[in-house]
């Protein structure tokens, strides 16, 4: 039997996850079935189960991949020389994705995950771990900026990190509820809020 290399396996795994995201985005976690994912992915049931033992395993993989991507974005942005550029790069990375149809599907699935986390302990643990990871990374960036006198020392780093996360998550909800949401006015207001934190009071 020929050996399957990592490139092939990674491509097949990504194919399954992309198909699952499409199915979950349109049908929801509970209505979408493995059969739906088989049809969407154009793979056999055996191929799906070769990578994932259950639908819940697929959901977990989607969450994990999302958190890995977000961590990479933050760590890359952190290389910028000052906090204003760090935040600007994060803003552009996260909000710029809303213009992509594929990313909008992923965001819709993320919203479902937030709800699923309330009833499914396994998913809840994964979701909380990802949000906590992001909050701690942002909090460290803010604390470092305070030591450089780029942000007022009166602001609590953890609270400000939570505020920034809430701003992005809130946009995800608004975008899902309203297909006519205009991104640019939201972006201008967000910029005004964020800039108000950058210099000491």
Protein backbone atom coordinates (compact mmCIF):
# COMPACT_ATOMS: atom_id res chain seq x y z
CA UNK A 1 0.00 0.00 0.00
CA UNK A 2 1.54 3.36 -1.02
CA UNK A 3 2.56 5.67 1.82
CA UNK A 4 0.51 8.86 2.13
CA UNK A 5 2.67 11.92 2.78
CA UNK A 6 1.85 14.75 5.18
CA UNK A 7 1.01 17.18 2.38
CA UNK A 8 -1.72 14.88 1.10
CA UNK A 9 -3.08 14.20 4.58
CA UNK A 10 -3.14 17.89 5.49
CA UNK A 11 -4.92 18.73 2.24
CA UNK A 12 -7.58 16.05 2.83
CA UNK A 13 -8.04 17.14 6.42
CA UNK A 14 -8.49 20.76 5.33
CA UNK A 15 -10.95 19.61 2.65
CA UNK A 16 -13.07 17.88 5.30
CA UNK A 17 -12.98 20.86 7.66
CA UNK A 18 -13.93 23.30 4.89
CA UNK A 19 -16.85 21.08 3.93
CA UNK A 20 -17.93 20.79 7.57
CA UNK A 21 -17.79 24.57 8.02
CA UNK A 22 -20.06 25.02 5.01
CA UNK A 23 -22.52 22.42 6.33
CA UNK A 24 -22.51 23.78 9.88
CA UNK A 25 -22.87 27.36 8.67
CA UNK A 26 -25.98 26.51 6.64
CA UNK A 27 -27.60 23.80 8.75
CA UNK A 28 -26.20 24.19 12.27
CA UNK A 29 -24.28 21.63 14.29
CA UNK A 30 -27.27 19.52 15.22
CA UNK A 31 -28.99 19.34 11.84
CA UNK A 32 -25.86 18.83 9.75
CA UNK A 33 -24.82 15.19 9.50
CA UNK A 34 -21.68 13.30 8.58
CA UNK A 35 -23.50 12.38 5.38
CA UNK A 36 -23.87 16.08 4.57
CA UNK A 37 -20.15 16.53 5.09
CA UNK A 38 -19.44 13.52 2.85
CA UNK A 39 -21.51 15.04 0.04
CA UNK A 40 -20.02 18.54 0.47
CA UNK A 41 -16.44 17.27 0.62
CA UNK A 42 -16.91 14.81 -2.28
CA UNK A 43 -15.09 12.20 -0.22
CA UNK A 44 -16.22 8.79 0.98
CA UNK A 45 -17.50 8.14 4.52
CA UNK A 46 -14.42 6.00 5.09
CA UNK A 47 -12.18 8.93 4.15
CA UNK A 48 -13.96 11.15 6.68
CA UNK A 49 -13.71 8.60 9.48
CA UNK A 50 -10.06 8.04 8.65
CA UNK A 51 -9.43 11.55 10.00
CA UNK A 52 -12.24 12.12 12.48
CA UNK A 53 -14.09 9.66 14.68
CA UNK A 54 -17.23 11.73 15.07
CA UNK A 55 -18.96 15.00 14.22
CA UNK A 56 -17.87 16.35 17.61
CA UNK A 57 -14.23 15.60 16.69
CA UNK A 58 -14.70 17.70 13.56
CA UNK A 59 -16.18 20.55 15.60
CA UNK A 60 -13.24 20.38 18.00
CA UNK A 61 -10.79 20.50 15.10
CA UNK A 62 -12.50 23.57 13.64
CA UNK A 63 -12.23 25.39 16.97
CA UNK A 64 -8.61 24.37 17.46
CA UNK A 65 -7.61 25.52 13.96
CA UNK A 66 -9.34 28.85 14.54
CA UNK A 67 -7.51 29.43 17.80
CA UNK A 68 -4.16 28.53 16.23
CA UNK A 69 -4.76 31.06 13.46
CA UNK A 70 -5.74 33.80 15.90
CA UNK A 71 -2.65 33.11 18.02
CA UNK A 72 -0.43 33.40 14.93
CA UNK A 73 -2.03 36.73 14.03
CA UNK A 74 -1.44 38.15 17.51
CA UNK A 75 2.15 36.91 17.71
CA UNK A 76 2.93 38.38 14.29
CA UNK A 77 1.29 41.70 15.18
CA UNK A 78 3.26 41.81 18.41
CA UNK A 79 6.45 42.30 16.40
CA UNK A 80 5.37 45.84 15.49
CA UNK A 81 7.38 48.61 17.23
CA UNK A 82 4.53 50.25 19.15
CA UNK A 83 1.10 49.34 20.47
CA UNK A 84 -0.79 51.54 18.00
CA UNK A 85 0.66 49.54 15.11
CA UNK A 86 0.07 46.25 16.91
CA UNK A 87 -3.61 47.07 17.39
CA UNK A 88 -3.90 48.44 13.87
CA UNK A 89 -2.50 45.25 12.43
CA UNK A 90 -4.87 43.13 14.50
CA UNK A 91 -7.81 45.32 13.50
CA UNK A 92 -6.96 44.99 9.81
CA UNK A 93 -6.39 41.24 10.08
CA UNK A 94 -9.64 40.46 11.89
CA UNK A 95 -11.93 42.99 10.22
CA UNK A 96 -10.46 42.57 6.76
CA UNK A 97 -11.57 38.94 6.79
CA UNK A 98 -15.23 40.01 6.91
CA UNK A 99 -14.99 40.91 3.25
CA UNK A 100 -14.31 37.26 2.37
CA UNK A 101 -17.27 34.95 1.88
CA UNK A 102 -15.40 31.93 3.21
CA UNK A 103 -14.46 33.80 6.36
CA UNK A 104 -18.05 34.90 6.91
CA UNK A 105 -19.03 31.22 7.00
CA UNK A 106 -16.33 30.56 9.59
CA UNK A 107 -17.59 33.45 11.71
CA UNK A 108 -21.12 32.06 11.53
CA UNK A 109 -19.82 28.75 12.82
CA UNK A 110 -17.93 30.56 15.59
CA UNK A 111 -21.19 32.10 16.79
CA UNK A 112 -22.75 28.65 16.89
CA UNK A 113 -19.77 27.46 18.92
CA UNK A 114 -20.38 30.14 21.54
CA UNK A 115 -23.90 28.82 21.99
CA UNK A 116 -22.83 25.17 21.86
CA UNK A 117 -20.25 25.87 24.57
CA UNK A 118 -23.11 26.57 26.99
CA UNK A 119 -24.47 23.02 26.76
CA UNK A 120 -21.51 20.88 25.68
CA UNK A 121 -18.74 20.71 28.33
CA UNK A 122 -16.17 19.45 25.83
CA UNK A 123 -16.78 22.29 23.38
CA UNK A 124 -17.11 24.77 26.25
CA UNK A 125 -13.67 23.87 27.54
CA UNK A 126 -12.10 24.33 24.09
CA UNK A 127 -13.85 27.65 23.44
CA UNK A 128 -12.89 29.04 26.85
CA UNK A 129 -9.29 27.91 26.37
CA UNK A 130 -9.06 29.78 23.07
CA UNK A 131 -10.62 32.98 24.39
CA UNK A 132 -8.44 32.86 27.51
CA UNK A 133 -5.35 32.39 25.35
CA UNK A 134 -6.24 35.44 23.25
CA UNK A 135 -7.07 37.54 26.33
CA UNK A 136 -3.75 36.72 28.00
CA UNK A 137 -1.78 37.54 24.85
CA UNK A 138 -3.52 40.89 24.45
CA UNK A 139 -3.17 41.63 28.16
CA UNK A 140 0.60 41.10 27.94
CA UNK A 141 0.80 43.39 24.91
CA UNK A 142 -1.12 46.08 26.81
CA UNK A 143 1.00 45.69 29.96
CA UNK A 144 4.19 45.99 27.87
CA UNK A 145 2.81 49.14 26.25
CA UNK A 146 2.04 50.60 29.69
CA UNK A 147 5.66 50.05 30.73
CA UNK A 148 6.67 52.03 27.62
CA UNK A 149 4.19 54.80 28.54
CA UNK A 150 2.14 54.13 25.40
CA UNK A 151 -1.07 53.35 27.31
CA UNK A 152 -2.34 54.92 30.52
CA UNK A 153 -1.25 52.93 33.59
CA UNK A 154 -4.72 53.55 35.06
CA UNK A 155 -6.27 51.04 32.67
CA UNK A 156 -6.46 47.40 33.73
CA UNK A 157 -4.72 45.31 31.01
CA UNK A 158 -7.04 42.34 31.42
CA UNK A 159 -10.18 44.48 31.29
CA UNK A 160 -8.94 46.32 28.19
CA UNK A 161 -8.09 43.00 26.52
CA UNK A 162 -11.63 41.79 27.25
CA UNK A 163 -13.03 45.01 25.79
CA UNK A 164 -11.06 44.55 22.55
CA UNK A 165 -12.19 40.94 22.20
CA UNK A 166 -15.79 41.98 22.86
CA UNK A 167 -15.57 44.62 20.12
CA UNK A 168 -14.55 42.02 17.54
CA UNK A 169 -17.00 39.40 18.76
CA UNK A 170 -19.80 41.96 18.81
CA UNK A 171 -19.12 42.80 15.19
CA UNK A 172 -19.34 39.10 14.32
CA UNK A 173 -22.81 38.98 15.86
CA UNK A 174 -23.96 42.19 14.19
CA UNK A 175 -22.68 41.04 10.81
CA UNK A 176 -24.58 37.77 11.15
CA UNK A 177 -27.83 39.49 12.14
CA UNK A 178 -27.64 42.21 9.50
CA UNK A 179 -26.49 41.48 5.95
CA UNK A 180 -26.54 45.22 5.24
CA UNK A 181 -23.99 46.05 7.93
CA UNK A 182 -21.48 48.62 6.68
CA UNK A 183 -17.99 47.87 7.91
CA UNK A 184 -16.37 51.27 7.34
CA UNK A 185 -18.48 53.32 9.81
CA UNK A 186 -17.92 50.63 12.46
CA UNK A 187 -14.20 50.72 11.73
CA UNK A 188 -14.02 54.51 12.16
CA UNK A 189 -15.75 54.33 15.53
CA UNK A 190 -13.55 51.42 16.64
CA UNK A 191 -10.44 53.40 15.65
CA UNK A 192 -11.61 56.35 17.75
CA UNK A 193 -12.09 54.11 20.80
CA UNK A 194 -8.78 52.36 20.39
CA UNK A 195 -6.79 55.56 19.82
CA UNK A 196 -8.16 56.98 23.07
CA UNK A 197 -6.22 54.30 24.95
CA UNK A 198 -2.84 54.88 23.32
CA UNK A 199 -1.48 57.87 25.22
CA UNK A 200 -1.38 58.35 29.01
CA UNK A 201 -4.12 60.45 30.55
